[in-house]
N, C-alpha and C. Protein backbone atom coordinates (compact mmCIF):
# COMPACT_ATOMS: atom_id res chain seq x y z
N MET A 1 -11.24 2.93 0.21
CA MET A 1 -10.57 1.66 0.00
C MET A 1 -11.02 0.68 1.07
N ARG A 2 -11.08 -0.55 0.70
CA ARG A 2 -11.40 -1.60 1.65
C ARG A 2 -10.25 -1.79 2.63
N ALA A 3 -10.51 -2.51 3.69
CA ALA A 3 -9.50 -2.75 4.72
C ALA A 3 -8.32 -3.53 4.14
N PRO A 4 -7.09 -3.20 4.55
CA PRO A 4 -5.92 -3.90 4.01
C PRO A 4 -5.89 -5.38 4.37
N GLU A 5 -6.63 -5.79 5.41
CA GLU A 5 -6.68 -7.20 5.77
C GLU A 5 -7.25 -8.04 4.63
N GLU A 6 -8.11 -7.46 3.82
CA GLU A 6 -8.71 -8.18 2.70
C GLU A 6 -7.68 -8.54 1.64
N LEU A 7 -6.53 -7.91 1.66
CA LEU A 7 -5.49 -8.23 0.69
C LEU A 7 -5.01 -9.67 0.86
N ASN A 8 -5.12 -10.20 2.06
CA ASN A 8 -4.67 -11.56 2.32
C ASN A 8 -5.57 -12.61 1.68
N GLU A 9 -6.74 -12.22 1.23
CA GLU A 9 -7.68 -13.15 0.62
C GLU A 9 -7.38 -13.43 -0.85
N VAL A 10 -6.45 -12.70 -1.42
CA VAL A 10 -6.11 -12.84 -2.84
C VAL A 10 -4.84 -13.69 -2.98
N ASP A 11 -4.82 -14.58 -3.95
CA ASP A 11 -3.64 -15.38 -4.24
C ASP A 11 -2.73 -14.57 -5.17
N TRP A 12 -1.99 -13.65 -4.60
CA TRP A 12 -1.17 -12.73 -5.39
C TRP A 12 -0.09 -13.46 -6.17
N ALA A 13 0.42 -14.56 -5.67
CA ALA A 13 1.47 -15.30 -6.36
C ALA A 13 0.97 -15.88 -7.69
N ALA A 14 -0.33 -16.05 -7.81
CA ALA A 14 -0.90 -16.59 -9.05
C ALA A 14 -1.16 -15.50 -10.09
N LEU A 15 -0.95 -14.25 -9.71
CA LEU A 15 -1.23 -13.12 -10.60
C LEU A 15 0.06 -12.47 -11.08
N GLU A 16 -0.06 -11.71 -12.16
CA GLU A 16 1.08 -10.95 -12.68
C GLU A 16 0.64 -9.53 -12.98
N HIS A 17 1.60 -8.61 -12.91
CA HIS A 17 1.35 -7.23 -13.35
C HIS A 17 2.36 -6.91 -14.44
N ALA A 18 2.44 -5.70 -14.86
CA ALA A 18 3.27 -5.31 -16.00
C ALA A 18 4.76 -5.65 -15.82
N TYR A 19 5.20 -5.79 -14.56
CA TYR A 19 6.62 -6.02 -14.30
C TYR A 19 6.91 -7.43 -13.82
N GLY A 20 5.94 -8.34 -13.93
CA GLY A 20 6.15 -9.73 -13.53
C GLY A 20 5.20 -10.18 -12.44
N PRO A 21 5.65 -11.07 -11.57
CA PRO A 21 4.79 -11.61 -10.51
C PRO A 21 4.22 -10.50 -9.62
N ALA A 22 2.98 -10.68 -9.21
CA ALA A 22 2.29 -9.65 -8.43
C ALA A 22 2.40 -9.85 -6.92
N GLY A 23 3.34 -10.66 -6.49
CA GLY A 23 3.51 -10.90 -5.06
C GLY A 23 3.86 -9.65 -4.27
N ASP A 24 4.37 -8.62 -4.92
CA ASP A 24 4.74 -7.38 -4.23
C ASP A 24 3.58 -6.38 -4.12
N VAL A 25 2.48 -6.66 -4.76
CA VAL A 25 1.36 -5.73 -4.79
C VAL A 25 0.76 -5.46 -3.41
N PRO A 26 0.53 -6.48 -2.58
CA PRO A 26 -0.07 -6.19 -1.28
C PRO A 26 0.73 -5.18 -0.45
N GLU A 27 2.04 -5.31 -0.45
CA GLU A 27 2.86 -4.37 0.32
C GLU A 27 2.77 -2.96 -0.25
N MET A 28 2.76 -2.85 -1.58
CA MET A 28 2.62 -1.52 -2.19
C MET A 28 1.29 -0.89 -1.82
N ILE A 29 0.23 -1.69 -1.80
CA ILE A 29 -1.09 -1.17 -1.44
C ILE A 29 -1.10 -0.77 0.03
N ARG A 30 -0.51 -1.59 0.89
CA ARG A 30 -0.47 -1.25 2.32
C ARG A 30 0.27 0.06 2.58
N VAL A 31 1.37 0.26 1.88
CA VAL A 31 2.13 1.51 2.03
C VAL A 31 1.28 2.69 1.61
N ARG A 32 0.63 2.55 0.49
CA ARG A 32 -0.24 3.64 0.00
C ARG A 32 -1.40 3.88 0.95
N TYR A 33 -1.98 2.82 1.45
CA TYR A 33 -3.10 2.93 2.40
C TYR A 33 -2.63 3.68 3.65
N ALA A 34 -1.44 3.35 4.14
CA ALA A 34 -0.90 4.02 5.33
C ALA A 34 -0.64 5.50 5.06
N GLU A 35 -0.21 5.83 3.85
CA GLU A 35 0.05 7.23 3.52
C GLU A 35 -1.23 8.05 3.54
N GLU A 36 -2.37 7.43 3.29
CA GLU A 36 -3.63 8.14 3.23
C GLU A 36 -4.37 8.17 4.57
N SER A 37 -3.84 7.51 5.58
CA SER A 37 -4.55 7.44 6.85
C SER A 37 -4.53 8.80 7.55
N PRO A 38 -5.51 9.08 8.38
CA PRO A 38 -5.55 10.35 9.12
C PRO A 38 -4.33 10.53 10.01
N GLU A 39 -3.77 9.43 10.49
CA GLU A 39 -2.59 9.52 11.37
C GLU A 39 -1.37 10.07 10.64
N THR A 40 -1.28 9.81 9.34
CA THR A 40 -0.10 10.26 8.59
C THR A 40 -0.35 11.52 7.77
N GLU A 41 -1.56 12.03 7.81
CA GLU A 41 -1.89 13.22 7.04
C GLU A 41 -1.02 14.40 7.51
N GLY A 42 -0.37 15.03 6.60
CA GLY A 42 0.45 16.21 6.92
C GLY A 42 1.90 15.89 7.25
N ILE A 43 2.28 14.62 7.32
CA ILE A 43 3.66 14.28 7.65
C ILE A 43 4.63 14.84 6.62
N GLU A 44 4.24 14.82 5.35
CA GLU A 44 5.13 15.33 4.30
C GLU A 44 5.46 16.80 4.57
N LYS A 45 4.49 17.57 5.00
CA LYS A 45 4.70 18.98 5.27
C LYS A 45 5.67 19.16 6.43
N LEU A 46 5.54 18.35 7.48
CA LEU A 46 6.40 18.46 8.63
C LEU A 46 7.84 18.11 8.29
N SER A 47 8.04 17.08 7.48
CA SER A 47 9.40 16.66 7.16
C SER A 47 10.15 17.70 6.33
N TRP A 48 9.44 18.53 5.58
CA TRP A 48 10.11 19.56 4.79
C TRP A 48 10.54 20.74 5.65
N LYS A 49 9.98 20.89 6.84
CA LYS A 49 10.34 22.01 7.72
C LYS A 49 11.64 21.73 8.49
N CYS A 50 12.12 20.50 8.47
CA CYS A 50 13.33 20.15 9.23
C CYS A 50 14.58 20.69 8.57
């Protein structure tokens, strides 16, 4: 995936997705991007051990 900073280059308010305005898309992508980062890899496994 490209860097999340590139998300700021898109006029998301001018776009729509299946549920309406696409203004929420950048945050959803950032969350997903963060979940895939090496820093967060394996966190799901750790939280289930608590």
